[in-house]
Amino acid sequence: MLHFELVTPERLVRSEEVHMVVVPGSEGDFGVLEGHAPVMSTIRDGNIELYKAGATTPELIRVEGGFAEVNERGLTVLAERAE
C-alpha cells in the first residue's frame, strides 16, 4: 500500500493508505503506486484520483496549485487549496 498525505496551508486534509493516486502534474497526469521512484512535481488545478484497494472507481479530490513529492515514505501533496 502507498501512504498518501494531502496538506493545505490550513490543515492536513487526508492521511491514509491507498492502492494508487493519479496526480494532475503541471507536465501531465501521473500515477503513483507503492515503490514509485522519488520525484517532485508542481501540480496544476485539477482532480486527484484516489484508488483504494479493490476499488474500480476513484474518489476525486479537487486541488488548486502546489507541489507533489514522492519519496520512500510515500506521496505527499502540498496544495494551495483542496475541496
C-alpha atoms as a PDB file:
ATOM      1  CA  MET A   1       0.000   0.000   0.000  1.00  0.00           C
ATOM      2  CA  LEU A   2       1.031   3.587  -0.683  1.00  0.00           C
ATOM      3  CA  HIS A   3       0.970   6.164   2.128  1.00  0.00           C
ATOM      4  CA  PHE A   4      -0.767   9.322   0.846  1.00  0.00           C
ATOM      5  CA  GLU A   5      -0.993  12.723   2.524  1.00  0.00           C
ATOM      6  CA  LEU A   6      -2.783  15.819   1.250  1.00  0.00           C
ATOM      7  CA  VAL A   7      -1.900  19.038   3.053  1.00  0.00           C
ATOM      8  CA  THR A   8      -3.023  22.652   2.611  1.00  0.00           C
ATOM      9  CA  PRO A   9      -1.675  25.713   4.435  1.00  0.00           C
ATOM     10  CA  GLU A  10      -4.660  25.445   6.802  1.00  0.00           C
ATOM     11  CA  ARG A  11      -4.738  21.726   7.652  1.00  0.00           C
ATOM     12  CA  LEU A  12      -3.954  18.101   6.992  1.00  0.00           C
ATOM     13  CA  VAL A  13      -6.784  17.125   4.631  1.00  0.00           C
ATOM     14  CA  ARG A  14      -6.051  13.409   4.238  1.00  0.00           C
ATOM     15  CA  SER A  15      -3.571  10.834   5.539  1.00  0.00           C
ATOM     16  CA  GLU A  16      -4.209   7.218   4.582  1.00  0.00           C
ATOM     17  CA  GLU A  17      -3.017   4.061   2.861  1.00  0.00           C
ATOM     18  CA  VAL A  18      -4.241   3.715  -0.737  1.00  0.00           C
ATOM     19  CA  HIS A  19      -3.580   1.498  -3.753  1.00  0.00           C
ATOM     20  CA  MET A  20      -2.822   4.254  -6.292  1.00  0.00           C
ATOM     21  CA  VAL A  21      -3.054   8.029  -6.720  1.00  0.00           C
ATOM     22  CA  VAL A  22      -3.240   9.936 -10.015  1.00  0.00           C
ATOM     23  CA  VAL A  23      -1.897  13.485  -9.636  1.00  0.00           C
ATOM     24  CA  PRO A  24      -2.611  16.408 -12.020  1.00  0.00           C
ATOM     25  CA  GLY A  25       1.029  17.350 -12.645  1.00  0.00           C
ATOM     26  CA  SER A  26       1.922  20.528 -14.491  1.00  0.00           C
ATOM     27  CA  GLU A  27       3.527  18.381 -17.238  1.00  0.00           C
ATOM     28  CA  GLY A  28       0.576  15.962 -17.319  1.00  0.00           C
ATOM     29  CA  ASP A  29      -1.185  13.490 -15.049  1.00  0.00           C
ATOM     30  CA  PHE A  30       0.970  10.834 -13.392  1.00  0.00           C
ATOM     31  CA  GLY A  31       0.085   7.754 -11.381  1.00  0.00           C
ATOM     32  CA  VAL A  32       1.871   6.757  -8.193  1.00  0.00           C
ATOM     33  CA  LEU A  33       1.952   3.221  -6.798  1.00  0.00           C
ATOM     34  CA  GLU A  34       3.895   1.788  -3.861  1.00  0.00           C
ATOM     35  CA  GLY A  35       7.622   1.673  -4.691  1.00  0.00           C
ATOM     36  CA  HIS A  36       7.479   4.604  -7.166  1.00  0.00           C
ATOM     37  CA  ALA A  37      10.820   6.267  -7.881  1.00  0.00           C
ATOM     38  CA  PRO A  38      11.420   9.527  -5.979  1.00  0.00           C
ATOM     39  CA  VAL A  39      10.089  12.543  -7.876  1.00  0.00           C
ATOM     40  CA  MET A  40       8.962  16.096  -7.218  1.00  0.00           C
ATOM     41  CA  SER A  41       6.491  17.961  -9.446  1.00  0.00           C
ATOM     42  CA  THR A  42       4.399  21.082  -9.463  1.00  0.00           C
ATOM     43  CA  ILE A  43       0.689  20.416  -9.810  1.00  0.00           C
ATOM     44  CA  ARG A  44      -1.956  22.227 -11.812  1.00  0.00           C
ATOM     45  CA  ASP A  45      -5.580  22.840 -10.875  1.00  0.00           C
ATOM     46  CA  GLY A  46      -7.485  19.594 -11.279  1.00  0.00           C
ATOM     47  CA  ASN A  47      -8.612  16.403  -9.555  1.00  0.00           C
ATOM     48  CA  ILE A  48      -6.501  13.986  -7.572  1.00  0.00           C
ATOM     49  CA  GLU A  49      -7.814  10.474  -8.188  1.00  0.00           C
ATOM     50  CA  LEU A  50      -7.573   8.169  -5.147  1.00  0.00           C
ATOM     51  CA  TYR A  51      -7.879   4.440  -5.776  1.00  0.00           C
ATOM     52  CA  LYS A  52      -8.391   2.406  -2.631  1.00  0.00           C
ATOM     53  CA  ALA A  53      -7.605  -1.318  -2.545  1.00  0.00           C
ATOM     54  CA  GLY A  54     -10.189  -3.225  -4.555  1.00  0.00           C
ATOM     55  CA  ALA A  55     -11.908  -0.077  -5.859  1.00  0.00           C
ATOM     56  CA  THR A  56     -12.538   0.287  -9.581  1.00  0.00           C
ATOM     57  CA  THR A  57     -13.670   3.911  -9.498  1.00  0.00           C
ATOM     58  CA  PRO A  58     -11.596   6.651  -7.899  1.00  0.00           C
ATOM     59  CA  GLU A  59     -12.511   9.150  -5.226  1.00  0.00           C
ATOM     60  CA  LEU A  60     -11.894  12.640  -6.640  1.00  0.00           C
ATOM     61  CA  ILE A  61     -10.414  15.498  -4.633  1.00  0.00           C
ATOM     62  CA  ARG A  62     -10.260  18.916  -6.314  1.00  0.00           C
ATOM     63  CA  VAL A  63      -6.929  20.734  -5.784  1.00  0.00           C
ATOM     64  CA  GLU A  64      -5.539  24.082  -6.874  1.00  0.00           C
ATOM     65  CA  GLY A  65      -1.816  24.575  -7.354  1.00  0.00           C
ATOM     66  CA  GLY A  66       1.037  23.280  -5.238  1.00  0.00           C
ATOM     67  CA  PHE A  67       3.622  20.501  -5.257  1.00  0.00           C
ATOM     68  CA  ALA A  68       3.713  16.711  -5.130  1.00  0.00           C
ATOM     69  CA  GLU A  69       6.623  14.746  -3.691  1.00  0.00           C
ATOM     70  CA  VAL A  70       7.166  11.006  -3.888  1.00  0.00           C
ATOM     71  CA  ASN A  71       9.822   9.533  -1.594  1.00  0.00           C
ATOM     72  CA  GLU A  72      10.453   6.329   0.352  1.00  0.00           C
ATOM     73  CA  ARG A  73       7.673   7.262   2.819  1.00  0.00           C
ATOM     74  CA  GLY A  74       5.009   7.666   0.096  1.00  0.00           C
ATOM     75  CA  LEU A  75       3.291  10.556  -1.696  1.00  0.00           C
ATOM     76  CA  THR A  76       2.744  13.977  -0.174  1.00  0.00           C
ATOM     77  CA  VAL A  77       0.727  16.639  -1.996  1.00  0.00           C
ATOM     78  CA  LEU A  78       1.084  20.210  -0.705  1.00  0.00           C
ATOM     79  CA  ALA A  79      -1.846  22.013  -2.324  1.00  0.00           C
ATOM     80  CA  GLU A  80      -2.729  25.693  -2.166  1.00  0.00           C
ATOM     81  CA  ARG A  81      -6.400  24.652  -1.863  1.00  0.00           C
ATOM     82  CA  ALA A  82      -8.281  21.348  -1.642  1.00  0.00           C
ATOM     83  CA  GLU A  83     -12.011  20.635  -1.589  1.00  0.00           C
END
